[in-house]
Structures are given as C-alpha cells and as structure tokens.
Amino acid sequence: MAEIQEQQSSVHCSPSIDDISRRAQEMVEKINHRRASDQSMMDSFQEKLIEKVTEMCQQMKGHMYTVYEGNSDDMQVKLQELSEVLDSCTKLNHELLEASQALACLREDLGLNQSSNQ
C-alpha cells in the first residue's frame, strides 16, 4: 500500500506528458516569434543602412561635382593664360622672322655696296 501511495504522489508531482508537450510547443512558438522579430529587425536595419549609404553617396557625388567644377574653372583660367602666352610667342616668332629677314636684306645690301665701292 505504501508503494501505491508513493507512485501516486510521484505521478502528482511529475508533470504529465500533455503538459510537457504543451510547454515544448509554447517554447517553439516563442522561438519562432523571436526569429520573426529578429528578421523584421534585420530587414528594418538593412533598409535604414541602404538609405544612409545612398544619402552618403549622394553627398559625396555632390562634393565631387563641386570639386570638378572648381577644377574646371581653374583649368579654364590656366588654358586662357596658356593661349595668351602662345599667341604672344607666335607674334614674337613672326617679329623675329621679320627682323631676321630685314637683317639678311641689310647684309646683302651692305655686301653689294662694298662690292660696288671696291
């Protein structure tokens, strides 16, 4: 009789199989809910990260174009200065050729005059 009472009390103290099954199912549901929540959080994080990266890229492009524009303005000034220097060199070269031709003519004239005088 003592054994039967002991078995009955141990049956009352230990959870039933249905209770264990229910608790296991609840735990699985909680895990699945947490996984879904984690996935949702990661999707949200990814969207925000993409937005921030896109925003930063746009800012960098804007800065890059500003730098390009400044460089283009500087290059335009330098090209204008180079063009003016090249024009000046062309004029000086033309003047030098004219002076060289004038000197050649003068040398010829002096050579002819010296030949005539002798």
Protein backbone atom coordinates (compact mmCIF):
# COMPACT_ATOMS: atom_id res chain seq x y z
CA MET A 1 0.00 0.00 0.00
CA ALA A 2 2.84 2.34 0.76
CA GLU A 3 4.22 1.69 -2.72
CA ILE A 4 0.94 2.63 -4.38
CA GLN A 5 0.76 5.86 -2.40
CA GLU A 6 4.37 6.61 -3.32
CA GLN A 7 3.65 6.05 -7.03
CA GLN A 8 0.52 8.19 -6.86
CA SER A 9 2.37 11.01 -5.15
CA SER A 10 5.18 10.82 -7.71
CA VAL A 11 2.59 10.93 -10.52
CA HIS A 12 1.05 14.03 -8.94
CA CYS A 13 4.47 15.70 -8.55
CA SER A 14 5.75 14.98 -12.05
CA PRO A 15 4.22 16.88 -14.94
CA SER A 16 2.07 14.96 -17.32
CA ILE A 17 3.15 14.20 -20.86
CA ASP A 18 0.49 16.55 -22.21
CA ASP A 19 1.83 19.36 -20.04
CA ILE A 20 5.39 18.75 -21.25
CA SER A 21 4.21 18.65 -24.85
CA ARG A 22 2.26 21.90 -24.39
CA ARG A 23 5.25 23.64 -22.82
CA ALA A 24 7.55 22.41 -25.61
CA GLN A 25 5.10 23.72 -28.21
CA GLU A 26 4.94 27.09 -26.43
CA MET A 27 8.74 27.28 -26.40
CA VAL A 28 8.90 26.51 -30.13
CA GLU A 29 6.28 29.19 -30.79
CA LYS A 30 8.25 31.72 -28.71
CA ILE A 31 11.43 30.84 -30.59
CA ASN A 32 9.68 31.22 -33.94
CA HIS A 33 8.18 34.53 -32.83
CA ARG A 34 11.61 35.79 -31.74
CA ARG A 35 13.11 34.66 -35.05
CA ALA A 36 10.41 36.52 -36.97
CA SER A 37 11.04 39.57 -34.80
CA ASP A 38 14.79 39.30 -35.42
CA GLN A 39 14.19 39.01 -39.16
CA SER A 40 11.93 42.05 -39.10
CA MET A 41 14.54 44.00 -37.14
CA MET A 42 17.30 42.99 -39.59
CA ASP A 43 15.13 43.97 -42.58
CA SER A 44 14.48 47.35 -41.00
CA PHE A 45 18.18 47.79 -40.22
CA GLN A 46 19.08 46.87 -43.80
CA GLU A 47 16.60 49.40 -45.22
CA LYS A 48 17.92 52.16 -42.96
CA LEU A 49 21.51 51.26 -43.81
CA ILE A 50 20.76 51.36 -47.54
CA GLU A 51 19.09 54.76 -47.09
CA LYS A 52 22.12 56.12 -45.20
CA VAL A 53 24.61 54.70 -47.71
CA THR A 54 22.59 56.16 -50.59
CA GLU A 55 22.43 59.51 -48.82
CA MET A 56 26.19 59.50 -48.19
CA CYS A 57 26.87 58.56 -51.82
CA GLN A 58 24.72 61.46 -52.98
CA GLN A 59 26.60 63.83 -50.68
CA MET A 60 29.93 62.51 -51.95
CA LYS A 61 28.79 62.93 -55.56
CA GLY A 62 27.71 66.48 -54.82
CA HIS A 63 31.09 67.24 -53.27
CA MET A 64 32.88 65.54 -56.14
CA TYR A 65 30.98 67.63 -58.70
CA THR A 66 31.75 70.78 -56.73
CA VAL A 67 35.45 69.89 -56.82
CA TYR A 68 35.22 69.11 -60.55
CA GLU A 69 33.58 72.45 -61.18
CA GLY A 70 36.27 74.29 -59.23
CA ASN A 71 39.00 72.38 -61.08
CA SER A 72 37.34 73.11 -64.42
CA ASP A 73 37.23 76.83 -63.61
CA ASP A 74 40.92 76.78 -62.63
CA MET A 75 41.83 74.84 -65.78
CA GLN A 76 39.86 77.28 -67.92
CA VAL A 77 41.84 80.18 -66.44
CA LYS A 78 45.12 78.34 -67.00
CA LEU A 79 44.17 77.41 -70.57
CA GLN A 80 43.27 81.04 -71.27
CA GLU A 81 46.65 82.14 -69.90
CA LEU A 82 48.40 79.46 -71.99
CA SER A 83 46.53 80.60 -75.09
CA GLU A 84 47.60 84.20 -74.48
CA VAL A 85 51.23 83.12 -73.96
CA LEU A 86 51.16 81.03 -77.15
CA ASP A 87 49.66 83.96 -79.09
CA SER A 88 52.42 86.18 -77.74
CA CYS A 89 55.06 83.59 -78.70
CA THR A 90 53.59 83.37 -82.22
CA LYS A 91 53.73 87.17 -82.58
CA LEU A 92 57.28 87.31 -81.23
CA ASN A 93 58.33 84.50 -83.57
CA HIS A 94 56.81 86.39 -86.52
CA GLU A 95 58.58 89.59 -85.47
CA LEU A 96 61.84 87.67 -85.07
CA LEU A 97 61.48 86.23 -88.57
CA GLU A 98 60.80 89.71 -89.96
CA ALA A 99 63.83 91.08 -88.12
CA SER A 100 65.95 88.20 -89.38
CA GLN A 101 64.79 88.83 -92.95
CA ALA A 102 65.48 92.56 -92.54
CA LEU A 103 68.98 91.80 -91.28
CA ALA A 104 69.55 89.41 -94.17
CA CYS A 105 68.46 92.10 -96.63
CA LEU A 106 70.67 94.67 -94.90
CA ARG A 107 73.62 92.26 -95.04
CA GLU A 108 73.01 91.74 -98.76
CA ASP A 109 72.75 95.47 -99.32
CA LEU A 110 75.97 96.05 -97.38
CA GLY A 111 77.66 93.27 -99.30
CA LEU A 112 76.58 94.77 -102.64
CA ASN A 113 77.59 98.28 -101.62
CA GLN A 114 81.01 97.12 -100.50
CA SER A 115 81.46 95.24 -103.80
CA SER A 116 80.42 98.32 -105.77
CA ASN A 117 82.75 100.59 -103.86
CA GLN A 118 85.76 98.44 -104.47
